[in-house]
Amino acid sequence: MDAAVLGLYNLPRELERRLLDYFSSRIRGRVPFDQTEYIPIEFSGINTLAELLAITGDWSEHNERRSILIEKEYEDVIVPRELKELERLQNLAFQRRQLIAPYPLADVEQEIERLKREGKWDE
């Protein structure tokens, strides 16, 4: 419901994110569930509620379309409009991975340091 209402305002992406962040850490009244945020405040990959829904609740639909476009690109039959759509869907796939299973950066940095000490990492 909130995404549909926000979509009607057609706000710039950054402004929508600021609006959503404004409501973080606030308890919503008169709803039958607990919600204190829309987009996790530390997650900077997306700016709109529609994007959040695309990488969570609607992901299977978006990912299926992404797969079709990847095949069309591989077969070299994709048109420019579809290339733009594929780029957007690829970005959403990346954002989904960042949200659902981000790299454990501390572990990665520790592994890089180990490899440097062993002379196996060259920058």
PDB file of N, CA and C in Angstrom:
ATOM      1  N   MET A   1       0.829  -1.182   0.000  1.00  0.00           N
ATOM      2  CA  MET A   1       0.000   0.000   0.000  1.00  0.00           C
ATOM      3  C   MET A   1       0.877   1.251   0.000  1.00  0.00           C
ATOM      4  N   ASP A   2       1.879   1.269   0.880  1.00  0.00           N
ATOM      5  CA  ASP A   2       2.759   2.432   0.959  1.00  0.00           C
ATOM      6  C   ASP A   2       3.488   2.672  -0.366  1.00  0.00           C
ATOM      7  N   ALA A   3       3.950   1.605  -1.009  1.00  0.00           N
ATOM      8  CA  ALA A   3       4.656   1.746  -2.284  1.00  0.00           C
ATOM      9  C   ALA A   3       3.732   2.324  -3.350  1.00  0.00           C
ATOM     10  N   ALA A   4       2.479   1.907  -3.354  1.00  0.00           N
ATOM     11  CA  ALA A   4       1.531   2.424  -4.335  1.00  0.00           C
ATOM     12  C   ALA A   4       1.292   3.916  -4.125  1.00  0.00           C
ATOM     13  N   VAL A   5       1.147   4.316  -2.882  1.00  0.00           N
ATOM     14  CA  VAL A   5       0.931   5.738  -2.579  1.00  0.00           C
ATOM     15  C   VAL A   5       2.167   6.552  -2.947  1.00  0.00           C
ATOM     16  N   LEU A   6       3.339   6.074  -2.547  1.00  0.00           N
ATOM     17  CA  LEU A   6       4.578   6.792  -2.890  1.00  0.00           C
ATOM     18  C   LEU A   6       4.762   6.900  -4.396  1.00  0.00           C
ATOM     19  N   GLY A   7       4.409   5.857  -5.126  1.00  0.00           N
ATOM     20  CA  GLY A   7       4.533   5.874  -6.571  1.00  0.00           C
ATOM     21  C   GLY A   7       3.700   6.974  -7.217  1.00  0.00           C
ATOM     22  N   LEU A   8       2.570   7.284  -6.625  1.00  0.00           N
ATOM     23  CA  LEU A   8       1.707   8.342  -7.168  1.00  0.00           C
ATOM     24  C   LEU A   8       2.358   9.720  -7.051  1.00  0.00           C
ATOM     25  N   TYR A   9       3.197   9.906  -6.039  1.00  0.00           N
ATOM     26  CA  TYR A   9       3.868  11.192  -5.865  1.00  0.00           C
ATOM     27  C   TYR A   9       5.026  11.378  -6.844  1.00  0.00           C
ATOM     28  N   ASN A  10       5.555  10.274  -7.358  1.00  0.00           N
ATOM     29  CA  ASN A  10       6.649  10.326  -8.328  1.00  0.00           C
ATOM     30  C   ASN A  10       7.796  11.214  -7.844  1.00  0.00           C
ATOM     31  N   LEU A  11       8.200  11.011  -6.600  1.00  0.00           N
ATOM     32  CA  LEU A  11       9.288  11.797  -6.022  1.00  0.00           C
ATOM     33  C   LEU A  11      10.627  11.401  -6.628  1.00  0.00           C
ATOM     34  N   PRO A  12      11.577  12.317  -6.656  1.00  0.00           N
ATOM     35  CA  PRO A  12      12.934  11.908  -7.028  1.00  0.00           C
ATOM     36  C   PRO A  12      13.401  10.809  -6.080  1.00  0.00           C
ATOM     37  N   ARG A  13      14.188   9.874  -6.590  1.00  0.00           N
ATOM     38  CA  ARG A  13      14.595   8.690  -5.819  1.00  0.00           C
ATOM     39  C   ARG A  13      15.232   9.078  -4.477  1.00  0.00           C
ATOM     40  N   GLU A  14      16.126  10.058  -4.490  1.00  0.00           N
ATOM     41  CA  GLU A  14      16.827  10.441  -3.268  1.00  0.00           C
ATOM     42  C   GLU A  14      15.873  11.056  -2.241  1.00  0.00           C
ATOM     43  N   LEU A  15      14.894  11.797  -2.714  1.00  0.00           N
ATOM     44  CA  LEU A  15      13.911  12.397  -1.814  1.00  0.00           C
ATOM     45  C   LEU A  15      13.025  11.317  -1.194  1.00  0.00           C
ATOM     46  N   GLU A  16      12.641  10.329  -1.994  1.00  0.00           N
ATOM     47  CA  GLU A  16      11.841   9.227  -1.444  1.00  0.00           C
ATOM     48  C   GLU A  16      12.623   8.511  -0.345  1.00  0.00           C
ATOM     49  N   ARG A  17      13.908   8.279  -0.583  1.00  0.00           N
ATOM     50  CA  ARG A  17      14.731   7.611   0.437  1.00  0.00           C
ATOM     51  C   ARG A  17      14.801   8.447   1.708  1.00  0.00           C
ATOM     52  N   ARG A  18      14.967   9.762   1.566  1.00  0.00           N
ATOM     53  CA  ARG A  18      15.003  10.624   2.758  1.00  0.00           C
ATOM     54  C   ARG A  18      13.690  10.541   3.524  1.00  0.00           C
ATOM     55  N   LEU A  19      12.589  10.502   2.794  1.00  0.00           N
ATOM     56  CA  LEU A  19      11.273  10.387   3.428  1.00  0.00           C
ATOM     57  C   LEU A  19      11.147   9.050   4.162  1.00  0.00           C
ATOM     58  N   LEU A  20      11.554   7.965   3.516  1.00  0.00           N
ATOM     59  CA  LEU A  20      11.491   6.646   4.159  1.00  0.00           C
ATOM     60  C   LEU A  20      12.394   6.592   5.392  1.00  0.00           C
ATOM     61  N   ASP A  21      13.594   7.150   5.285  1.00  0.00           N
ATOM     62  CA  ASP A  21      14.514   7.166   6.426  1.00  0.00           C
ATOM     63  C   ASP A  21      13.966   7.997   7.586  1.00  0.00           C
ATOM     64  N   TYR A  22      13.197   9.034   7.267  1.00  0.00           N
ATOM     65  CA  TYR A  22      12.592   9.869   8.308  1.00  0.00           C
ATOM     66  C   TYR A  22      11.721   9.031   9.242  1.00  0.00           C
ATOM     67  N   PHE A  23      11.078   8.010   8.701  1.00  0.00           N
ATOM     68  CA  PHE A  23      10.190   7.173   9.497  1.00  0.00           C
ATOM     69  C   PHE A  23      10.898   5.996  10.166  1.00  0.00           C
ATOM     70  N   SER A  24      12.200   5.855   9.942  1.00  0.00           N
ATOM     71  CA  SER A  24      12.946   4.790  10.618  1.00  0.00           C
ATOM     72  C   SER A  24      12.980   5.056  12.112  1.00  0.00           C
ATOM     73  N   SER A  25      12.948   3.995  12.865  1.00  0.00           N
ATOM     74  CA  SER A  25      12.976   4.040  14.333  1.00  0.00           C
ATOM     75  C   SER A  25      11.714   4.653  14.931  1.00  0.00           C
ATOM     76  N   ARG A  26      10.690   4.781  14.147  1.00  0.00           N
ATOM     77  CA  ARG A  26       9.413   5.282  14.662  1.00  0.00           C
ATOM     78  C   ARG A  26       8.406   4.130  14.618  1.00  0.00           C
ATOM     79  N   ILE A  27       7.652   4.017  15.644  1.00  0.00           N
ATOM     80  CA  ILE A  27       6.654   2.954  15.717  1.00  0.00           C
ATOM     81  C   ILE A  27       5.399   3.423  14.985  1.00  0.00           C
ATOM     82  N   ARG A  28       4.924   2.567  14.088  1.00  0.00           N
ATOM     83  CA  ARG A  28       3.711   2.889  13.343  1.00  0.00           C
ATOM     84  C   ARG A  28       2.506   2.468  14.172  1.00  0.00           C
ATOM     85  N   GLY A  29       1.596   3.358  14.328  1.00  0.00           N
ATOM     86  CA  GLY A  29       0.378   3.043  15.052  1.00  0.00           C
ATOM     87  C   GLY A  29      -0.709   2.526  14.133  1.00  0.00           C
ATOM     88  N   ARG A  30      -1.652   1.856  14.710  1.00  0.00           N
ATOM     89  CA  ARG A  30      -2.846   1.397  14.005  1.00  0.00           C
ATOM     90  C   ARG A  30      -2.573   0.428  12.861  1.00  0.00           C
ATOM     91  N   VAL A  31      -1.476  -0.318  12.940  1.00  0.00           N
ATOM     92  CA  VAL A  31      -1.239  -1.395  11.984  1.00  0.00           C
ATOM     93  C   VAL A  31      -1.052  -2.675  12.795  1.00  0.00           C
ATOM     94  N   PRO A  32      -1.497  -3.808  12.266  1.00  0.00           N
ATOM     95  CA  PRO A  32      -1.458  -5.055  13.044  1.00  0.00           C
ATOM     96  C   PRO A  32      -0.100  -5.762  13.008  1.00  0.00           C
ATOM     97  N   PHE A  33       0.991  -5.012  12.858  1.00  0.00           N
ATOM     98  CA  PHE A  33       2.323  -5.613  12.831  1.00  0.00           C
ATOM     99  C   PHE A  33       3.340  -4.582  13.305  1.00  0.00           C
ATOM    100  N   ASP A  34       4.505  -5.064  13.702  1.00  0.00           N
ATOM    101  CA  ASP A  34       5.580  -4.172  14.117  1.00  0.00           C
ATOM    102  C   ASP A  34       6.412  -3.778  12.904  1.00  0.00           C
ATOM    103  N   GLN A  35       6.613  -2.503  12.737  1.00  0.00           N
ATOM    104  CA  GLN A  35       7.458  -2.006  11.655  1.00  0.00           C
ATOM    105  C   GLN A  35       8.118  -0.724  12.133  1.00  0.00           C
ATOM    106  N   THR A  36       9.448  -0.739  12.161  1.00  0.00           N
ATOM    107  CA  THR A  36      10.173   0.458  12.583  1.00  0.00           C
ATOM    108  C   THR A  36      11.076   1.004  11.482  1.00  0.00           C
ATOM    109  N   GLU A  37      11.053   0.387  10.318  1.00  0.00           N
ATOM    110  CA  GLU A  37      11.831   0.905   9.199  1.00  0.00           C
ATOM    111  C   GLU A  37      11.276   0.354   7.893  1.00  0.00           C
ATOM    112  N   TYR A  38      11.624   1.010   6.828  1.00  0.00           N
ATOM    113  CA  TYR A  38      11.313   0.505   5.496  1.00  0.00           C
ATOM    114  C   TYR A  38      12.566  -0.159   4.947  1.00  0.00           C
ATOM    115  N   ILE A  39      13.556   0.664   4.619  1.00  0.00           N
ATOM    116  CA  ILE A  39      14.832   0.168   4.114  1.00  0.00           C
ATOM    117  C   ILE A  39      15.822   0.272   5.262  1.00  0.00           C
ATOM    118  N   PRO A  40      16.566  -0.791   5.549  1.00  0.00           N
ATOM    119  CA  PRO A  40      17.552  -0.682   6.632  1.00  0.00           C
ATOM    120  C   PRO A  40      18.424   0.560   6.435  1.00  0.00           C
ATOM    121  N   ILE A  41      18.558   1.357   7.466  1.00  0.00           N
ATOM    122  CA  ILE A  41      19.216   2.654   7.375  1.00  0.00           C
ATOM    123  C   ILE A  41      20.655   2.542   6.855  1.00  0.00           C
ATOM    124  N   GLU A  42      21.328   1.430   7.173  1.00  0.00           N
ATOM    125  CA  GLU A  42      22.714   1.263   6.743  1.00  0.00           C
ATOM    126  C   GLU A  42      22.826   0.744   5.307  1.00  0.00           C
ATOM    127  N   PHE A  43      21.709   0.401   4.696  1.00  0.00           N
ATOM    128  CA  PHE A  43      21.715  -0.131   3.334  1.00  0.00           C
ATOM    129  C   PHE A  43      21.537   1.016   2.354  1.00  0.00           C
ATOM    130  N   SER A  44      22.559   1.281   1.571  1.00  0.00           N
ATOM    131  CA  SER A  44      22.523   2.442   0.684  1.00  0.00           C
ATOM    132  C   SER A  44      22.323   2.071  -0.776  1.00  0.00           C
ATOM    133  N   GLY A  45      22.066   0.816  -1.082  1.00  0.00           N
ATOM    134  CA  GLY A  45      21.995   0.387  -2.475  1.00  0.00           C
ATOM    135  C   GLY A  45      20.738   0.765  -3.220  1.00  0.00           C
ATOM    136  N   ILE A  46      19.668   1.026  -2.524  1.00  0.00           N
ATOM    137  CA  ILE A  46      18.405   1.370  -3.171  1.00  0.00           C
ATOM    138  C   ILE A  46      17.825   2.602  -2.499  1.00  0.00           C
ATOM    139  N   ASN A  47      16.911   3.271  -3.205  1.00  0.00           N
ATOM    140  CA  ASN A  47      16.338   4.501  -2.657  1.00  0.00           C
ATOM    141  C   ASN A  47      14.820   4.506  -2.576  1.00  0.00           C
ATOM    142  N   THR A  48      14.163   3.548  -3.221  1.00  0.00           N
ATOM    143  CA  THR A  48      12.706   3.606  -3.255  1.00  0.00           C
ATOM    144  C   THR A  48      12.090   2.338  -2.677  1.00  0.00           C
ATOM    145  N   LEU A  49      10.888   2.499  -2.217  1.00  0.00           N
ATOM    146  CA  LEU A  49      10.154   1.354  -1.692  1.00  0.00           C
ATOM    147  C   LEU A  49       9.865   0.351  -2.806  1.00  0.00           C
ATOM    148  N   ALA A  50       9.629   0.840  -4.011  1.00  0.00           N
ATOM    149  CA  ALA A  50       9.399  -0.064  -5.151  1.00  0.00           C
ATOM    150  C   ALA A  50      10.636  -0.923  -5.404  1.00  0.00           C
ATOM    151  N   GLU A  51      11.824  -0.342  -5.286  1.00  0.00           N
ATOM    152  CA  GLU A  51      13.064  -1.120  -5.465  1.00  0.00           C
ATOM    153  C   GLU A  51      13.203  -2.167  -4.365  1.00  0.00           C
ATOM    154  N   LEU A  52      12.867  -1.797  -3.135  1.00  0.00           N
ATOM    155  CA  LEU A  52      12.941  -2.754  -2.029  1.00  0.00           C
ATOM    156  C   LEU A  52      12.004  -3.929  -2.289  1.00  0.00           C
ATOM    157  N   LEU A  53      10.784  -3.641  -2.717  1.00  0.00           N
ATOM    158  CA  LEU A  53       9.838  -4.719  -3.018  1.00  0.00           C
ATOM    159  C   LEU A  53      10.319  -5.572  -4.186  1.00  0.00           C
ATOM    160  N   ALA A  54      10.991  -4.944  -5.152  1.00  0.00           N
ATOM    161  CA  ALA A  54      11.493  -5.681  -6.315  1.00  0.00           C
ATOM    162  C   ALA A  54      12.548  -6.703  -5.911  1.00  0.00           C
ATOM    163  N   ILE A  55      13.361  -6.406  -4.893  1.00  0.00           N
ATOM    164  CA  ILE A  55      14.418  -7.341  -4.497  1.00  0.00           C
ATOM    165  C   ILE A  55      14.023  -8.244  -3.344  1.00  0.00           C
ATOM    166  N   THR A  56      12.816  -8.069  -2.846  1.00  0.00           N
ATOM    167  CA  THR A  56      12.343  -8.941  -1.753  1.00  0.00           C
ATOM    168  C   THR A  56      11.095  -9.685  -2.211  1.00  0.00           C
ATOM    169  N   GLY A  57       9.934  -9.146  -1.959  1.00  0.00           N
ATOM    170  CA  GLY A  57       8.680  -9.838  -2.235  1.00  0.00           C
ATOM    171  C   GLY A  57       8.406 -10.176  -3.689  1.00  0.00           C
ATOM    172  N   ASP A  58       8.870  -9.339  -4.611  1.00  0.00           N
ATOM    173  CA  ASP A  58       8.600  -9.553  -6.040  1.00  0.00           C
ATOM    174  C   ASP A  58       9.797 -10.121  -6.783  1.00  0.00           C
ATOM    175  N   TRP A  59      10.807 -10.619  -6.062  1.00  0.00           N
ATOM    176  CA  TRP A  59      12.055 -10.991  -6.715  1.00  0.00           C
ATOM    177  C   TRP A  59      11.911 -12.096  -7.755  1.00  0.00           C
ATOM    178  N   SER A  60      11.111 -13.109  -7.499  1.00  0.00           N
ATOM    179  CA  SER A  60      11.020 -14.217  -8.456  1.00  0.00           C
ATOM    180  C   SER A  60      10.549 -13.719  -9.824  1.00  0.00           C
ATOM    181  N   GLU A  61       9.601 -12.825  -9.839  1.00  0.00           N
ATOM    182  CA  GLU A  61       9.099 -12.252 -11.095  1.00  0.00           C
ATOM    183  C   GLU A  61      10.201 -11.460 -11.811  1.00  0.00           C
ATOM    184  N   HIS A  62      10.910 -10.616 -11.073  1.00  0.00           N
ATOM    185  CA  HIS A  62      11.976  -9.807 -11.670  1.00  0.00           C
ATOM    186  C   HIS A  62      13.149 -10.671 -12.127  1.00  0.00           C
ATOM    187  N   ASN A  63      13.460 -11.680 -11.349  1.00  0.00           N
ATOM    188  CA  ASN A  63      14.583 -12.539 -11.703  1.00  0.00           C
ATOM    189  C   ASN A  63      14.270 -13.382 -12.938  1.00  0.00           C
ATOM    190  N   GLU A  64      13.029 -13.786 -13.081  1.00  0.00           N
ATOM    191  CA  GLU A  64      12.630 -14.537 -14.280  1.00  0.00           C
ATOM    192  C   GLU A  64      12.798 -13.664 -15.528  1.00  0.00           C
ATOM    193  N   ARG A  65      12.365 -12.422 -15.435  1.00  0.00           N
ATOM    194  CA  ARG A  65      12.521 -11.500 -16.568  1.00  0.00           C
ATOM    195  C   ARG A  65      14.011 -11.264 -16.847  1.00  0.00           C
ATOM    196  N   ARG A  66      14.803 -11.138 -15.801  1.00  0.00           N
ATOM    197  CA  ARG A  66      16.252 -10.945 -15.957  1.00  0.00           C
ATOM    198  C   ARG A  66      16.860 -12.129 -16.704  1.00  0.00           C
ATOM    199  N   SER A  67      16.447 -13.345 -16.354  1.00  0.00           N
ATOM    200  CA  SER A  67      16.956 -14.547 -17.019  1.00  0.00           C
ATOM    201  C   SER A  67      16.619 -14.542 -18.508  1.00  0.00           C
ATOM    202  N   ILE A  68      15.408 -14.140 -18.837  1.00  0.00           N
ATOM    203  CA  ILE A  68      14.995 -14.068 -20.246  1.00  0.00           C
ATOM    204  C   ILE A  68      15.864 -13.070 -21.001  1.00  0.00           C
ATOM    205  N   LEU A  69      16.108 -11.925 -20.388  1.00  0.00           N
ATOM    206  CA  LEU A  69      16.912 -10.900 -21.055  1.00  0.00           C
ATOM    207  C   LEU A  69      18.375 -11.316 -21.175  1.00  0.00           C
ATOM    208  N   ILE A  70      18.881 -12.041 -20.209  1.00  0.00           N
ATOM    209  CA  ILE A  70      20.254 -12.545 -20.292  1.00  0.00           C
ATOM    210  C   ILE A  70      20.374 -13.499 -21.478  1.00  0.00           C
ATOM    211  N   GLU A  71      19.393 -14.370 -21.633  1.00  0.00           N
ATOM    212  CA  GLU A  71      19.394 -15.280 -22.790  1.00  0.00           C
ATOM    213  C   GLU A  71      19.348 -14.513 -24.108  1.00  0.00           C
ATOM    214  N   LYS A  72      18.509 -13.477 -24.161  1.00  0.00           N
ATOM    215  CA  LYS A  72      18.413 -12.680 -25.385  1.00  0.00           C
ATOM    216  C   LYS A  72      19.737 -11.968 -25.674  1.00  0.00           C
ATOM    217  N   GLU A  73      20.394 -11.506 -24.631  1.00  0.00           N
ATOM    218  CA  GLU A  73      21.690 -10.850 -24.826  1.00  0.00           C
ATOM    219  C   GLU A  73      22.719 -11.862 -25.333  1.00  0.00           C
ATOM    220  N   TYR A  74      22.724 -13.041 -24.748  1.00  0.00           N
ATOM    221  CA  TYR A  74      23.653 -14.096 -25.163  1.00  0.00           C
ATOM    222  C   TYR A  74      23.434 -14.474 -26.631  1.00  0.00           C
ATOM    223  N   GLU A  75      22.172 -14.530 -27.016  1.00  0.00           N
ATOM    224  CA  GLU A  75      21.828 -14.886 -28.403  1.00  0.00           C
ATOM    225  C   GLU A  75      21.946 -13.699 -29.353  1.00  0.00           C
ATOM    226  N   ASP A  76      22.322 -12.537 -28.814  1.00  0.00           N
ATOM    227  CA  ASP A  76      22.509 -11.308 -29.586  1.00  0.00           C
ATOM    228  C   ASP A  76      21.239 -10.875 -30.308  1.00  0.00           C
ATOM    229  N   VAL A  77      20.087 -11.031 -29.631  1.00  0.00           N
ATOM    230  CA  VAL A  77      18.808 -10.601 -30.207  1.00  0.00           C
ATOM    231  C   VAL A  77      18.112  -9.576 -29.294  1.00  0.00           C
ATOM    232  N   ILE A  78      18.860  -9.023 -28.384  1.00  0.00           N
ATOM    233  CA  ILE A  78      18.284  -8.065 -27.447  1.00  0.00           C
ATOM    234  C   ILE A  78      18.266  -6.667 -28.074  1.00  0.00           C
ATOM    235  N   VAL A  79      17.211  -5.908 -27.823  1.00  0.00           N
ATOM    236  CA  VAL A  79      17.084  -4.560 -28.378  1.00  0.00           C
ATOM    237  C   VAL A  79      17.515  -3.540 -27.315  1.00  0.00           C
ATOM    238  N   PRO A  80      17.835  -2.311 -27.708  1.00  0.00           N
ATOM    239  CA  PRO A  80      18.345  -1.310 -26.764  1.00  0.00           C
ATOM    240  C   PRO A  80      17.456  -1.093 -25.533  1.00  0.00           C
ATOM    241  N   ARG A  81      16.160  -1.061 -25.726  1.00  0.00           N
ATOM    242  CA  ARG A  81      15.239  -0.878 -24.583  1.00  0.00           C
ATOM    243  C   ARG A  81      15.405  -2.016 -23.580  1.00  0.00           C
ATOM    244  N   GLU A  82      15.565  -3.238 -24.100  1.00  0.00           N
ATOM    245  CA  GLU A  82      15.745  -4.399 -23.227  1.00  0.00           C
ATOM    246  C   GLU A  82      17.113  -4.381 -22.556  1.00  0.00           C
ATOM    247  N   LEU A  83      18.117  -3.872 -23.238  1.00  0.00           N
ATOM    248  CA  LEU A  83      19.446  -3.739 -22.618  1.00  0.00           C
ATOM    249  C   LEU A  83      19.385  -2.828 -21.403  1.00  0.00           C
ATOM    250  N   LYS A  84      18.652  -1.740 -21.535  1.00  0.00           N
ATOM    251  CA  LYS A  84      18.483  -0.811 -20.407  1.00  0.00           C
ATOM    252  C   LYS A  84      17.736  -1.503 -19.260  1.00  0.00           C
ATOM    253  N   GLU A  85      16.711  -2.247 -19.605  1.00  0.00           N
ATOM    254  CA  GLU A  85      15.948  -2.991 -18.598  1.00  0.00           C
ATOM    255  C   GLU A  85      16.838  -4.034 -17.923  1.00  0.00           C
ATOM    256  N   LEU A  86      17.654  -4.726 -18.711  1.00  0.00           N
ATOM    257  CA  LEU A  86      18.565  -5.730 -18.151  1.00  0.00           C
ATOM    258  C   LEU A  86      19.557  -5.083 -17.201  1.00  0.00           C
ATOM    259  N   GLU A  87      20.080  -3.937 -17.566  1.00  0.00           N
ATOM    260  CA  GLU A  87      21.016  -3.234 -16.690  1.00  0.00           C
ATOM    261  C   GLU A  87      20.362  -2.924 -15.343  1.00  0.00           C
ATOM    262  N   ARG A  88      19.105  -2.467 -15.385  1.00  0.00           N
ATOM    263  CA  ARG A  88      18.377  -2.159 -14.140  1.00  0.00           C
ATOM    264  C   ARG A  88      18.162  -3.435 -13.316  1.00  0.00           C
ATOM    265  N   LEU A  89      17.791  -4.522 -13.982  1.00  0.00           N
ATOM    266  CA  LEU A  89      17.553  -5.787 -13.278  1.00  0.00           C
ATOM    267  C   LEU A  89      18.849  -6.379 -12.732  1.00  0.00           C
ATOM    268  N   GLN A  90      19.947  -6.218 -13.457  1.00  0.00           N
ATOM    269  CA  GLN A  90      21.241  -6.689 -12.962  1.00  0.00           C
ATOM    270  C   GLN A  90      21.630  -5.909 -11.713  1.00  0.00           C
ATOM    271  N   ASN A  91      21.372  -4.606 -11.717  1.00  0.00           N
ATOM    272  CA  ASN A  91      21.645  -3.798 -10.535  1.00  0.00           C
ATOM    273  C   ASN A  91      20.779  -4.256  -9.367  1.00  0.00           C
ATOM    274  N   LEU A  92      19.514  -4.554  -9.632  1.00  0.00           N
ATOM    275  CA  LEU A  92      18.638  -5.044  -8.568  1.00  0.00           C
ATOM    276  C   LEU A  92      19.136  -6.386  -8.025  1.00  0.00           C
ATOM    277  N   ALA A  93      19.642  -7.250  -8.899  1.00  0.00           N
ATOM    278  CA  ALA A  93      20.182  -8.538  -8.449  1.00  0.00           C
ATOM    279  C   ALA A  93      21.372  -8.312  -7.522  1.00  0.00           C
ATOM    280  N   PHE A  94      22.238  -7.384  -7.905  1.00  0.00           N
ATOM    281  CA  PHE A  94      23.383  -7.055  -7.055  1.00  0.00           C
ATOM    282  C   PHE A  94      22.908  -6.515  -5.706  1.00  0.00           C
ATOM    283  N   GLN A  95      21.926  -5.614  -5.732  1.00  0.00           N
ATOM    284  CA  GLN A  95      21.408  -5.040  -4.489  1.00  0.00           C
ATOM    285  C   GLN A  95      20.750  -6.106  -3.614  1.00  0.00           C
ATOM    286  N   ARG A  96      20.074  -7.053  -4.238  1.00  0.00           N
ATOM    287  CA  ARG A  96      19.452  -8.147  -3.471  1.00  0.00           C
ATOM    288  C   ARG A  96      20.525  -8.951  -2.743  1.00  0.00           C
ATOM    289  N   ARG A  97      21.596  -9.280  -3.460  1.00  0.00           N
ATOM    290  CA  ARG A  97      22.676 -10.032  -2.827  1.00  0.00           C
ATOM    291  C   ARG A  97      23.281  -9.229  -1.680  1.00  0.00           C
ATOM    292  N   GLN A  98      23.450  -7.937  -1.882  1.00  0.00           N
ATOM    293  CA  GLN A  98      24.014  -7.093  -0.825  1.00  0.00           C
ATOM    294  C   GLN A  98      23.097  -7.054   0.395  1.00  0.00           C
ATOM    295  N   LEU A  99      21.798  -7.044   0.165  1.00  0.00           N
ATOM    296  CA  LEU A  99      20.837  -6.985   1.270  1.00  0.00           C
ATOM    297  C   LEU A  99      20.690  -8.328   1.968  1.00  0.00           C
ATOM    298  N   ILE A 100      20.568  -9.393   1.194  1.00  0.00           N
ATOM    299  CA  ILE A 100      20.291 -10.720   1.742  1.00  0.00           C
ATOM    300  C   ILE A 100      21.548 -11.391   2.294  1.00  0.00           C
ATOM    301  N   ALA A 101      22.642 -11.311   1.549  1.00  0.00           N
ATOM    302  CA  ALA A 101      23.864 -12.007   1.955  1.00  0.00           C
ATOM    303  C   ALA A 101      25.094 -11.170   1.623  1.00  0.00           C
ATOM    304  N   PRO A 102      25.293 -10.080   2.365  1.00  0.00           N
ATOM    305  CA  PRO A 102      26.461  -9.236   2.070  1.00  0.00           C
ATOM    306  C   PRO A 102      27.758  -9.956   2.401  1.00  0.00           C
ATOM    307  N   TYR A 103      28.806  -9.560   1.683  1.00  0.00           N
ATOM    308  CA  TYR A 103      30.119 -10.126   1.995  1.00  0.00           C
ATOM    309  C   TYR A 103      30.500  -9.744   3.421  1.00  0.00           C
ATOM    310  N   PRO A 104      31.052 -10.692   4.168  1.00  0.00           N
ATOM    311  CA  PRO A 104      31.544 -10.337   5.512  1.00  0.00           C
ATOM    312  C   PRO A 104      32.878  -9.605   5.361  1.00  0.00           C
ATOM    313  N   LEU A 105      32.823  -8.283   5.228  1.00  0.00           N
ATOM    314  CA  LEU A 105      34.001  -7.501   4.888  1.00  0.00           C
ATOM    315  C   LEU A 105      35.151  -7.698   5.860  1.00  0.00           C
ATOM    316  N   ALA A 106      34.871  -7.815   7.131  1.00  0.00           N
ATOM    317  CA  ALA A 106      35.954  -8.020   8.095  1.00  0.00           C
ATOM    318  C   ALA A 106      36.681  -9.324   7.793  1.00  0.00           C
ATOM    319  N   ASP A 107      35.942 -10.371   7.469  1.00  0.00           N
ATOM    320  CA  ASP A 107      36.559 -11.661   7.133  1.00  0.00           C
ATOM    321  C   ASP A 107      37.369 -11.563   5.848  1.00  0.00           C
ATOM    322  N   VAL A 108      36.835 -10.852   4.865  1.00  0.00           N
ATOM    323  CA  VAL A 108      37.537 -10.691   3.594  1.00  0.00           C
ATOM    324  C   VAL A 108      38.839  -9.925   3.810  1.00  0.00           C
ATOM    325  N   GLU A 109      38.780  -8.836   4.556  1.00  0.00           N
ATOM    326  CA  GLU A 109      39.980  -8.041   4.823  1.00  0.00           C
ATOM    327  C   GLU A 109      41.019  -8.856   5.589  1.00  0.00           C
ATOM    328  N   GLN A 110      40.583  -9.655   6.527  1.00  0.00           N
ATOM    329  CA  GLN A 110      41.494 -10.510   7.288  1.00  0.00           C
ATOM    330  C   GLN A 110      42.164 -11.533   6.361  1.00  0.00           C
ATOM    331  N   GLU A 111      41.415 -12.093   5.447  1.00  0.00           N
ATOM    332  CA  GLU A 111      41.971 -13.058   4.503  1.00  0.00           C
ATOM    333  C   GLU A 111      42.972 -12.389   3.566  1.00  0.00           C
ATOM    334  N   ILE A 112      42.676 -11.178   3.123  1.00  0.00           N
ATOM    335  CA  ILE A 112      43.616 -10.436   2.268  1.00  0.00           C
ATOM    336  C   ILE A 112      44.918 -10.185   3.012  1.00  0.00           C
ATOM    337  N   GLU A 113      44.829  -9.797   4.264  1.00  0.00           N
ATOM    338  CA  GLU A 113      46.040  -9.560   5.063  1.00  0.00           C
ATOM    339  C   GLU A 113      46.852 -10.842   5.206  1.00  0.00           C
ATOM    340  N   ARG A 114      46.191 -11.962   5.416  1.00  0.00           N
ATOM    341  CA  ARG A 114      46.895 -13.246   5.517  1.00  0.00           C
ATOM    342  C   ARG A 114      47.620 -13.558   4.214  1.00  0.00           C
ATOM    343  N   LEU A 115      46.923 -13.366   3.088  1.00  0.00           N
ATOM    344  CA  LEU A 115      47.527 -13.635   1.793  1.00  0.00           C
ATOM    345  C   LEU A 115      48.706 -12.701   1.515  1.00  0.00           C
ATOM    346  N   LYS A 116      48.605 -11.458   1.963  1.00  0.00           N
ATOM    347  CA  LYS A 116      49.727 -10.513   1.801  1.00  0.00           C
ATOM    348  C   LYS A 116      50.932 -10.999   2.593  1.00  0.00           C
ATOM    349  N   ARG A 117      50.701 -11.416   3.828  1.00  0.00           N
ATOM    350  CA  ARG A 117      51.805 -11.903   4.677  1.00  0.00           C
ATOM    351  C   ARG A 117      52.485 -13.111   4.037  1.00  0.00           C
ATOM    352  N   GLU A 118      51.713 -13.940   3.372  1.00  0.00           N
ATOM    353  CA  GLU A 118      52.260 -15.125   2.722  1.00  0.00           C
ATOM    354  C   GLU A 118      52.812 -14.847   1.339  1.00  0.00           C
ATOM    355  N   GLY A 119      52.726 -13.580   0.915  1.00  0.00           N
ATOM    356  CA  GLY A 119      53.243 -13.223  -0.394  1.00  0.00           C
ATOM    357  C   GLY A 119      52.379 -13.697  -1.550  1.00  0.00           C
ATOM    358  N   LYS A 120      51.126 -13.988  -1.270  1.00  0.00           N
ATOM    359  CA  LYS A 120      50.223 -14.513  -2.308  1.00  0.00           C
ATOM    360  C   LYS A 120      49.228 -13.451  -2.802  1.00  0.00           C
ATOM    361  N   TRP A 121      49.331 -12.230  -2.299  1.00  0.00           N
ATOM    362  CA  TRP A 121      48.427 -11.161  -2.703  1.00  0.00           C
ATOM    363  C   TRP A 121      49.244 -10.020  -3.263  1.00  0.00           C
ATOM    364  N   ASP A 122      48.960  -9.654  -4.505  1.00  0.00           N
ATOM    365  CA  ASP A 122      49.679  -8.574  -5.148  1.00  0.00           C
ATOM    366  C   ASP A 122      48.679  -7.535  -5.601  1.00  0.00           C
ATOM    367  N   GLU A 123      48.832  -6.302  -5.108  1.00  0.00           N
ATOM    368  CA  GLU A 123      47.875  -5.255  -5.475  1.00  0.00           C
ATOM    369  C   GLU A 123      48.253  -4.591  -6.717  1.00  0.00           C
TER     370      GLU A 123
END
